[in-house]
Amino acid sequence: MKQTTSTRESVYQEIRTRIINLTFLPGMALSETELAAQLNVSRTPVREALVLLDKDGLIEVFPRKGTFVTKINLDLVRETQFVREAIEIASLRSIPADLDPELLNEIRDNLAQQELAAKSHDSHAFFTLDEVFHASLMKLANHRRSWDVIATTKPHLDRARYLGYQESTPPISFYEQHCEIFDRICAKDLGKAEELLSNHLRTVFDDTKIAQKILPEFFTSEEAPSGDLNGRFPAAMASSQQSVQELLTLRMKHQPHQ
């Protein structure tokens, strides 16, 4: 990553992305020096980016002890999902009768790319296409700026969604749901589209419950006692050595059969 006037923003976005897509797992210890080496920048933009991520609630800094990725906050997941659903449903209801043909073609192309990403099990690519799909639905209703409001408030929700991709609801299922929603919009059946969209957005709750049973140390809530550093981040160093898929596979082998 080259040093430019926007280096801090680039570093911030890169670390944020790695936290959201679970490359950096909840509870994982982050090293300023190692991040600078990985991103080929000095420690200054990394330090500045970590300050911003701390404000976002994605990391927590303990002086003289270390910097850690925060756990997924279940209360924030619920609150953000409530806001997201309210905005997207309201936007859907205001989709005009005359749909923009150019935008419709863009959505069809997006869905084709979603299918390829889902079938190749590329969760990172699918997540990006998923975001574009929902933003495009809001564009159909002339509410394109409203998506920016949603996108900036949902990092904890997005981490929960990524866990769902890994264990509960695979991307191909979300792709099929997207197709159903889009088909109902094109058929001007907004009532059915609203029902499908609402059910689709709420999938994250069931996915999170399943993930929480398998990887409880990844989650927290406002009511949970803070405890000391070791109590709050017990798996920090261990998690840094394994991917979320490796952890899920390992835990599933030891889950009792239902």
C-alpha atoms as a PDB file:
ATOM      1  CA  MET A   1       0.000   0.000   0.000  1.00  0.00           C
ATOM      2  CA  LYS A   2       1.648   3.245  -1.136  1.00  0.00           C
ATOM      3  CA  GLN A   3       2.034   6.234   1.138  1.00  0.00           C
ATOM      4  CA  THR A   4      -0.373   8.974   0.000  1.00  0.00           C
ATOM      5  CA  THR A   5      -2.427  11.744   1.599  1.00  0.00           C
ATOM      6  CA  SER A   6      -5.283   9.232   1.864  1.00  0.00           C
ATOM      7  CA  THR A   7      -3.171   6.523   3.496  1.00  0.00           C
ATOM      8  CA  ARG A   8      -5.009   6.781   6.813  1.00  0.00           C
ATOM      9  CA  GLU A   9      -8.372   6.268   5.095  1.00  0.00           C
ATOM     10  CA  SER A  10      -7.024   3.355   3.043  1.00  0.00           C
ATOM     11  CA  VAL A  11      -5.564   1.685   6.123  1.00  0.00           C
ATOM     12  CA  TYR A  12      -8.787   2.307   8.057  1.00  0.00           C
ATOM     13  CA  GLN A  13     -10.929   0.756   5.303  1.00  0.00           C
ATOM     14  CA  GLU A  14      -8.625  -2.243   4.931  1.00  0.00           C
ATOM     15  CA  ILE A  15      -8.542  -3.080   8.644  1.00  0.00           C
ATOM     16  CA  ARG A  16     -12.288  -2.445   8.926  1.00  0.00           C
ATOM     17  CA  THR A  17     -12.941  -4.830   6.043  1.00  0.00           C
ATOM     18  CA  ARG A  18     -10.773  -7.522   7.625  1.00  0.00           C
ATOM     19  CA  ILE A  19     -12.660  -7.180  10.903  1.00  0.00           C
ATOM     20  CA  ILE A  20     -16.061  -7.336   9.211  1.00  0.00           C
ATOM     21  CA  ASN A  21     -15.206 -10.328   7.003  1.00  0.00           C
ATOM     22  CA  LEU A  22     -13.732 -12.116  10.033  1.00  0.00           C
ATOM     23  CA  THR A  23     -10.182 -12.258   8.743  1.00  0.00           C
ATOM     24  CA  PHE A  24      -9.516 -10.570  12.097  1.00  0.00           C
ATOM     25  CA  LEU A  25     -11.661 -12.557  14.496  1.00  0.00           C
ATOM     26  CA  PRO A  26     -13.568 -11.223  17.526  1.00  0.00           C
ATOM     27  CA  GLY A  27     -11.166 -11.125  20.471  1.00  0.00           C
ATOM     28  CA  MET A  28      -8.061 -11.221  18.286  1.00  0.00           C
ATOM     29  CA  ALA A  29      -5.051  -9.171  19.364  1.00  0.00           C
ATOM     30  CA  LEU A  30      -3.860  -6.609  16.799  1.00  0.00           C
ATOM     31  CA  SER A  31      -0.272  -5.404  16.583  1.00  0.00           C
ATOM     32  CA  GLU A  32       0.387  -1.896  15.288  1.00  0.00           C
ATOM     33  CA  THR A  33       3.813  -2.995  14.049  1.00  0.00           C
ATOM     34  CA  GLU A  34       2.516  -6.115  12.295  1.00  0.00           C
ATOM     35  CA  LEU A  35      -0.327  -4.203  10.630  1.00  0.00           C
ATOM     36  CA  ALA A  36       2.102  -1.591   9.346  1.00  0.00           C
ATOM     37  CA  ALA A  37       4.291  -4.339   7.870  1.00  0.00           C
ATOM     38  CA  GLN A  38       1.334  -6.147   6.302  1.00  0.00           C
ATOM     39  CA  LEU A  39       0.016  -2.955   4.680  1.00  0.00           C
ATOM     40  CA  ASN A  40       3.456  -1.593   3.786  1.00  0.00           C
ATOM     41  CA  VAL A  41       2.952   1.712   5.579  1.00  0.00           C
ATOM     42  CA  SER A  42       4.440   3.458   8.583  1.00  0.00           C
ATOM     43  CA  ARG A  43       2.943   3.015  12.042  1.00  0.00           C
ATOM     44  CA  THR A  44       1.451   6.538  12.034  1.00  0.00           C
ATOM     45  CA  PRO A  45      -1.495   5.886   9.645  1.00  0.00           C
ATOM     46  CA  VAL A  46      -2.106   2.556  11.387  1.00  0.00           C
ATOM     47  CA  ARG A  47      -2.276   4.302  14.754  1.00  0.00           C
ATOM     48  CA  GLU A  48      -4.648   6.920  13.325  1.00  0.00           C
ATOM     49  CA  ALA A  49      -6.824   4.227  11.721  1.00  0.00           C
ATOM     50  CA  LEU A  50      -7.042   2.348  15.024  1.00  0.00           C
ATOM     51  CA  VAL A  51      -8.316   5.503  16.718  1.00  0.00           C
ATOM     52  CA  LEU A  52     -11.167   5.641  14.169  1.00  0.00           C
ATOM     53  CA  LEU A  53     -11.912   1.923  14.568  1.00  0.00           C
ATOM     54  CA  ASP A  54     -12.030   2.389  18.332  1.00  0.00           C
ATOM     55  CA  LYS A  55     -14.681   5.085  17.817  1.00  0.00           C
ATOM     56  CA  ASP A  56     -16.583   2.664  15.548  1.00  0.00           C
ATOM     57  CA  GLY A  57     -16.624   0.124  18.368  1.00  0.00           C
ATOM     58  CA  LEU A  58     -14.715  -2.448  16.303  1.00  0.00           C
ATOM     59  CA  ILE A  59     -11.573  -2.510  18.444  1.00  0.00           C
ATOM     60  CA  GLU A  60     -10.762  -1.805  22.058  1.00  0.00           C
ATOM     61  CA  VAL A  61      -7.414  -0.404  23.212  1.00  0.00           C
ATOM     62  CA  PHE A  62      -5.948  -1.234  26.616  1.00  0.00           C
ATOM     63  CA  PRO A  63      -2.932   0.971  27.454  1.00  0.00           C
ATOM     64  CA  ARG A  64       0.259  -1.094  27.945  1.00  0.00           C
ATOM     65  CA  LYS A  65      -1.712  -4.294  27.347  1.00  0.00           C
ATOM     66  CA  GLY A  66      -2.774  -4.308  23.731  1.00  0.00           C
ATOM     67  CA  THR A  67      -5.410  -3.685  21.094  1.00  0.00           C
ATOM     68  CA  PHE A  68      -8.171  -6.228  20.514  1.00  0.00           C
ATOM     69  CA  VAL A  69     -10.983  -6.743  18.019  1.00  0.00           C
ATOM     70  CA  THR A  70     -14.252  -6.329  19.901  1.00  0.00           C
ATOM     71  CA  LYS A  71     -16.726  -9.142  20.186  1.00  0.00           C
ATOM     72  CA  ILE A  72     -19.953  -9.055  18.164  1.00  0.00           C
ATOM     73  CA  ASN A  73     -22.427  -7.057  20.234  1.00  0.00           C
ATOM     74  CA  LEU A  74     -25.812  -8.794  20.077  1.00  0.00           C
ATOM     75  CA  ASP A  75     -27.687  -5.686  21.199  1.00  0.00           C
ATOM     76  CA  LEU A  76     -26.155  -3.675  18.362  1.00  0.00           C
ATOM     77  CA  VAL A  77     -26.995  -6.465  15.910  1.00  0.00           C
ATOM     78  CA  ARG A  78     -30.667  -6.282  16.941  1.00  0.00           C
ATOM     79  CA  GLU A  79     -30.815  -2.481  16.934  1.00  0.00           C
ATOM     80  CA  THR A  80     -29.070  -2.137  13.587  1.00  0.00           C
ATOM     81  CA  GLN A  81     -31.270  -4.799  12.018  1.00  0.00           C
ATOM     82  CA  PHE A  82     -34.354  -2.910  13.240  1.00  0.00           C
ATOM     83  CA  VAL A  83     -33.132   0.316  11.598  1.00  0.00           C
ATOM     84  CA  ARG A  84     -32.074  -1.440   8.418  1.00  0.00           C
ATOM     85  CA  GLU A  85     -35.373  -3.242   7.980  1.00  0.00           C
ATOM     86  CA  ALA A  86     -37.399  -0.095   8.667  1.00  0.00           C
ATOM     87  CA  ILE A  87     -35.493   1.908   6.038  1.00  0.00           C
ATOM     88  CA  GLU A  88     -35.399  -0.806   3.368  1.00  0.00           C
ATOM     89  CA  ILE A  89     -39.091  -1.681   3.751  1.00  0.00           C
ATOM     90  CA  ALA A  90     -40.104   1.992   3.621  1.00  0.00           C
ATOM     91  CA  SER A  91     -37.989   2.427   0.507  1.00  0.00           C
ATOM     92  CA  LEU A  92     -39.493  -0.656  -1.135  1.00  0.00           C
ATOM     93  CA  ARG A  93     -43.010   0.692  -0.614  1.00  0.00           C
ATOM     94  CA  SER A  94     -42.132   3.829  -2.569  1.00  0.00           C
ATOM     95  CA  ILE A  95     -40.785   2.091  -5.682  1.00  0.00           C
ATOM     96  CA  PRO A  96     -42.500   3.768  -8.675  1.00  0.00           C
ATOM     97  CA  ALA A  97     -44.631   1.942 -11.205  1.00  0.00           C
ATOM     98  CA  ASP A  98     -42.223   2.817 -14.019  1.00  0.00           C
ATOM     99  CA  LEU A  99     -38.961   1.073 -13.211  1.00  0.00           C
ATOM    100  CA  ASP A 100     -35.636   2.336 -14.565  1.00  0.00           C
ATOM    101  CA  PRO A 101     -34.710  -0.219 -17.303  1.00  0.00           C
ATOM    102  CA  GLU A 102     -30.992   0.524 -17.031  1.00  0.00           C
ATOM    103  CA  LEU A 103     -31.003  -0.078 -13.299  1.00  0.00           C
ATOM    104  CA  LEU A 104     -33.036  -3.267 -13.764  1.00  0.00           C
ATOM    105  CA  ASN A 105     -30.353  -4.582 -16.097  1.00  0.00           C
ATOM    106  CA  GLU A 106     -27.684  -3.699 -13.547  1.00  0.00           C
ATOM    107  CA  ILE A 107     -29.543  -5.701 -10.914  1.00  0.00           C
ATOM    108  CA  ARG A 108     -29.916  -8.672 -13.277  1.00  0.00           C
ATOM    109  CA  ASP A 109     -26.168  -8.565 -13.917  1.00  0.00           C
ATOM    110  CA  ASN A 110     -25.547  -8.356 -10.180  1.00  0.00           C
ATOM    111  CA  LEU A 111     -27.712 -11.430  -9.598  1.00  0.00           C
ATOM    112  CA  ALA A 112     -25.785 -13.354 -12.252  1.00  0.00           C
ATOM    113  CA  GLN A 113     -22.540 -12.488 -10.478  1.00  0.00           C
ATOM    114  CA  GLN A 114     -24.087 -13.479  -7.136  1.00  0.00           C
ATOM    115  CA  GLU A 115     -24.883 -16.913  -8.515  1.00  0.00           C
ATOM    116  CA  LEU A 116     -21.295 -17.418  -9.663  1.00  0.00           C
ATOM    117  CA  ALA A 117     -19.870 -16.241  -6.325  1.00  0.00           C
ATOM    118  CA  ALA A 118     -22.292 -18.429  -4.359  1.00  0.00           C
ATOM    119  CA  LYS A 119     -21.563 -21.546  -6.411  1.00  0.00           C
ATOM    120  CA  SER A 120     -17.812 -20.985  -6.074  1.00  0.00           C
ATOM    121  CA  HIS A 121     -18.212 -20.470  -2.294  1.00  0.00           C
ATOM    122  CA  ASP A 122     -16.587 -17.020  -2.491  1.00  0.00           C
ATOM    123  CA  SER A 123     -18.184 -15.419   0.561  1.00  0.00           C
ATOM    124  CA  HIS A 124     -16.126 -12.222   0.295  1.00  0.00           C
ATOM    125  CA  ALA A 125     -17.243 -11.572  -3.285  1.00  0.00           C
ATOM    126  CA  PHE A 126     -20.809 -12.546  -2.449  1.00  0.00           C
ATOM    127  CA  PHE A 127     -20.955 -10.151   0.489  1.00  0.00           C
ATOM    128  CA  THR A 128     -19.938  -7.223  -1.742  1.00  0.00           C
ATOM    129  CA  LEU A 129     -22.512  -8.195  -4.379  1.00  0.00           C
ATOM    130  CA  ASP A 130     -25.155  -8.610  -1.651  1.00  0.00           C
ATOM    131  CA  GLU A 131     -24.491  -5.044  -0.493  1.00  0.00           C
ATOM    132  CA  VAL A 132     -24.746  -3.710  -4.053  1.00  0.00           C
ATOM    133  CA  PHE A 133     -28.033  -5.567  -4.583  1.00  0.00           C
ATOM    134  CA  HIS A 134     -29.718  -3.994  -1.560  1.00  0.00           C
ATOM    135  CA  ALA A 135     -28.324  -0.569  -2.430  1.00  0.00           C
ATOM    136  CA  SER A 136     -29.715  -0.978  -5.954  1.00  0.00           C
ATOM    137  CA  LEU A 137     -33.204  -1.739  -4.639  1.00  0.00           C
ATOM    138  CA  MET A 138     -33.074   1.570  -2.798  1.00  0.00           C
ATOM    139  CA  LYS A 139     -31.935   3.290  -5.987  1.00  0.00           C
ATOM    140  CA  LEU A 140     -35.067   1.958  -7.696  1.00  0.00           C
ATOM    141  CA  ALA A 141     -37.059   3.949  -5.147  1.00  0.00           C
ATOM    142  CA  ASN A 142     -34.827   7.027  -5.552  1.00  0.00           C
ATOM    143  CA  HIS A 143     -33.408   6.606  -2.051  1.00  0.00           C
ATOM    144  CA  ARG A 144     -29.802   5.907  -2.998  1.00  0.00           C
ATOM    145  CA  ARG A 145     -28.344   8.149  -0.254  1.00  0.00           C
ATOM    146  CA  SER A 146     -30.281   6.312   2.418  1.00  0.00           C
ATOM    147  CA  TRP A 147     -28.121   3.235   1.859  1.00  0.00           C
ATOM    148  CA  ASP A 148     -25.080   5.180   3.057  1.00  0.00           C
ATOM    149  CA  VAL A 149     -26.889   5.729   6.363  1.00  0.00           C
ATOM    150  CA  ILE A 150     -27.453   1.989   6.712  1.00  0.00           C
ATOM    151  CA  ALA A 151     -23.953   0.970   5.621  1.00  0.00           C
ATOM    152  CA  THR A 152     -22.144   3.108   8.183  1.00  0.00           C
ATOM    153  CA  THR A 153     -24.105   1.750  11.156  1.00  0.00           C
ATOM    154  CA  LYS A 154     -23.945  -2.009  10.711  1.00  0.00           C
ATOM    155  CA  PRO A 155     -20.420  -3.430  11.235  1.00  0.00           C
ATOM    156  CA  HIS A 156     -21.559  -5.704  14.098  1.00  0.00           C
ATOM    157  CA  LEU A 157     -24.541  -6.840  12.016  1.00  0.00           C
ATOM    158  CA  ASP A 158     -22.249  -7.547   9.057  1.00  0.00           C
ATOM    159  CA  ARG A 159     -19.951  -9.715  11.145  1.00  0.00           C
ATOM    160  CA  ALA A 160     -22.968 -11.727  12.257  1.00  0.00           C
ATOM    161  CA  ARG A 161     -23.976 -12.076   8.598  1.00  0.00           C
ATOM    162  CA  TYR A 162     -20.525 -13.389   7.687  1.00  0.00           C
ATOM    163  CA  LEU A 163     -20.805 -16.049  10.377  1.00  0.00           C
ATOM    164  CA  GLY A 164     -24.148 -17.020   8.851  1.00  0.00           C
ATOM    165  CA  TYR A 165     -22.475 -17.494   5.478  1.00  0.00           C
ATOM    166  CA  GLN A 166     -19.944 -19.831   7.064  1.00  0.00           C
ATOM    167  CA  GLU A 167     -22.245 -22.053   9.080  1.00  0.00           C
ATOM    168  CA  SER A 168     -26.019 -21.486   8.886  1.00  0.00           C
ATOM    169  CA  THR A 169     -27.382 -20.033   5.650  1.00  0.00           C
ATOM    170  CA  PRO A 170     -25.063 -20.421   2.640  1.00  0.00           C
ATOM    171  CA  PRO A 171     -24.809 -17.644   0.025  1.00  0.00           C
ATOM    172  CA  ILE A 172     -26.752 -19.677  -2.549  1.00  0.00           C
ATOM    173  CA  SER A 173     -29.846 -19.439  -0.315  1.00  0.00           C
ATOM    174  CA  PHE A 174     -29.496 -15.658  -0.075  1.00  0.00           C
ATOM    175  CA  TYR A 175     -29.046 -15.484  -3.861  1.00  0.00           C
ATOM    176  CA  GLU A 176     -32.304 -17.393  -4.357  1.00  0.00           C
ATOM    177  CA  GLN A 177     -34.084 -15.064  -1.915  1.00  0.00           C
ATOM    178  CA  HIS A 178     -32.746 -12.046  -3.800  1.00  0.00           C
ATOM    179  CA  CYS A 179     -34.105 -13.484  -7.052  1.00  0.00           C
ATOM    180  CA  GLU A 180     -37.554 -13.976  -5.523  1.00  0.00           C
ATOM    181  CA  ILE A 181     -37.635 -10.415  -4.171  1.00  0.00           C
ATOM    182  CA  PHE A 182     -36.526  -8.973  -7.495  1.00  0.00           C
ATOM    183  CA  ASP A 183     -39.060 -11.047  -9.443  1.00  0.00           C
ATOM    184  CA  ARG A 184     -41.911  -9.730  -7.257  1.00  0.00           C
ATOM    185  CA  ILE A 185     -40.716  -6.145  -7.749  1.00  0.00           C
ATOM    186  CA  CYS A 186     -40.616  -6.597 -11.513  1.00  0.00           C
ATOM    187  CA  ALA A 187     -44.133  -8.091 -11.359  1.00  0.00           C
ATOM    188  CA  LYS A 188     -45.198  -4.982  -9.381  1.00  0.00           C
ATOM    189  CA  ASP A 189     -46.272  -7.178  -6.490  1.00  0.00           C
ATOM    190  CA  LEU A 190     -44.749  -4.949  -3.806  1.00  0.00           C
ATOM    191  CA  GLY A 191     -46.812  -6.519  -1.028  1.00  0.00           C
ATOM    192  CA  LYS A 192     -45.239  -9.925  -1.601  1.00  0.00           C
ATOM    193  CA  ALA A 193     -41.828  -8.339  -2.186  1.00  0.00           C
ATOM    194  CA  GLU A 194     -42.104  -6.628   1.207  1.00  0.00           C
ATOM    195  CA  GLU A 195     -42.943  -9.923   2.931  1.00  0.00           C
ATOM    196  CA  LEU A 196     -40.014 -11.675   1.248  1.00  0.00           C
ATOM    197  CA  LEU A 197     -37.599  -8.836   2.026  1.00  0.00           C
ATOM    198  CA  SER A 198     -38.583  -8.740   5.681  1.00  0.00           C
ATOM    199  CA  ASN A 199     -38.111 -12.502   6.082  1.00  0.00           C
ATOM    200  CA  HIS A 200     -34.824 -12.296   4.191  1.00  0.00           C
ATOM    201  CA  LEU A 201     -33.400  -9.561   6.413  1.00  0.00           C
ATOM    202  CA  ARG A 202     -34.403 -11.380   9.596  1.00  0.00           C
ATOM    203  CA  THR A 203     -32.474 -14.527   8.644  1.00  0.00           C
ATOM    204  CA  VAL A 204     -29.513 -13.068  10.510  1.00  0.00           C
ATOM    205  CA  PHE A 205     -31.250 -13.663  13.854  1.00  0.00           C
ATOM    206  CA  ASP A 206     -31.511 -17.436  13.371  1.00  0.00           C
ATOM    207  CA  ASP A 207     -27.993 -17.567  11.943  1.00  0.00           C
ATOM    208  CA  THR A 208     -26.633 -15.675  14.935  1.00  0.00           C
ATOM    209  CA  LYS A 209     -28.298 -18.038  17.418  1.00  0.00           C
ATOM    210  CA  ILE A 210     -26.631 -21.005  15.743  1.00  0.00           C
ATOM    211  CA  ALA A 211     -23.237 -19.303  15.564  1.00  0.00           C
ATOM    212  CA  GLN A 212     -23.505 -18.221  19.199  1.00  0.00           C
ATOM    213  CA  LYS A 213     -23.952 -21.839  20.303  1.00  0.00           C
ATOM    214  CA  ILE A 214     -20.828 -22.899  18.407  1.00  0.00           C
ATOM    215  CA  LEU A 215     -18.589 -19.889  19.080  1.00  0.00           C
ATOM    216  CA  PRO A 216     -19.985 -18.182  22.205  1.00  0.00           C
ATOM    217  CA  GLU A 217     -16.698 -16.379  22.884  1.00  0.00           C
ATOM    218  CA  PHE A 218     -17.253 -14.287  19.741  1.00  0.00           C
ATOM    219  CA  PHE A 219     -20.331 -12.575  21.209  1.00  0.00           C
ATOM    220  CA  THR A 220     -21.248 -10.123  23.938  1.00  0.00           C
ATOM    221  CA  SER A 221     -24.145  -7.867  24.936  1.00  0.00           C
ATOM    222  CA  GLU A 222     -24.659  -4.659  26.866  1.00  0.00           C
ATOM    223  CA  GLU A 223     -25.779  -6.656  29.905  1.00  0.00           C
ATOM    224  CA  ALA A 224     -22.686  -8.862  29.952  1.00  0.00           C
ATOM    225  CA  PRO A 225     -20.238  -8.095  32.780  1.00  0.00           C
ATOM    226  CA  SER A 226     -17.086  -6.419  31.531  1.00  0.00           C
ATOM    227  CA  GLY A 227     -14.656  -8.323  33.763  1.00  0.00           C
ATOM    228  CA  ASP A 228     -10.920  -8.005  33.294  1.00  0.00           C
ATOM    229  CA  LEU A 229      -8.919  -8.172  30.084  1.00  0.00           C
ATOM    230  CA  ASN A 230      -8.441 -11.946  30.205  1.00  0.00           C
ATOM    231  CA  GLY A 231     -12.121 -12.485  30.919  1.00  0.00           C
ATOM    232  CA  ARG A 232     -13.254 -10.283  28.045  1.00  0.00           C
ATOM    233  CA  PHE A 233     -10.823 -11.625  25.448  1.00  0.00           C
ATOM    234  CA  PRO A 234     -10.016 -15.192  26.546  1.00  0.00           C
ATOM    235  CA  ALA A 235      -9.492 -16.508  23.021  1.00  0.00           C
ATOM    236  CA  ALA A 236      -7.545 -13.536  21.686  1.00  0.00           C
ATOM    237  CA  MET A 237      -4.216 -15.174  20.959  1.00  0.00           C
ATOM    238  CA  ALA A 238      -5.636 -18.586  20.035  1.00  0.00           C
ATOM    239  CA  SER A 239      -8.139 -17.078  17.603  1.00  0.00           C
ATOM    240  CA  SER A 240      -5.404 -15.155  15.812  1.00  0.00           C
ATOM    241  CA  GLN A 241      -3.925 -18.457  14.606  1.00  0.00           C
ATOM    242  CA  GLN A 242      -7.102 -19.889  13.038  1.00  0.00           C
ATOM    243  CA  SER A 243      -9.696 -18.836  10.484  1.00  0.00           C
ATOM    244  CA  VAL A 244     -13.370 -18.727  11.355  1.00  0.00           C
ATOM    245  CA  GLN A 245     -13.991 -21.720   9.081  1.00  0.00           C
ATOM    246  CA  GLU A 246     -11.306 -23.752  10.874  1.00  0.00           C
ATOM    247  CA  LEU A 247     -12.808 -22.862  14.246  1.00  0.00           C
ATOM    248  CA  LEU A 248     -16.331 -23.736  13.090  1.00  0.00           C
ATOM    249  CA  THR A 249     -15.180 -27.076  11.668  1.00  0.00           C
ATOM    250  CA  LEU A 250     -13.331 -27.930  14.872  1.00  0.00           C
ATOM    251  CA  ARG A 251     -16.261 -26.968  17.114  1.00  0.00           C
ATOM    252  CA  MET A 252     -18.848 -28.775  14.985  1.00  0.00           C
ATOM    253  CA  LYS A 253     -16.948 -32.053  15.433  1.00  0.00           C
ATOM    254  CA  HIS A 254     -17.561 -31.727  19.164  1.00  0.00           C
ATOM    255  CA  GLN A 255     -21.184 -30.574  19.003  1.00  0.00           C
ATOM    256  CA  PRO A 256     -23.694 -33.112  20.388  1.00  0.00           C
ATOM    257  CA  HIS A 257     -26.016 -34.547  17.763  1.00  0.00           C
ATOM    258  CA  GLN A 258     -29.565 -33.226  18.015  1.00  0.00           C
END
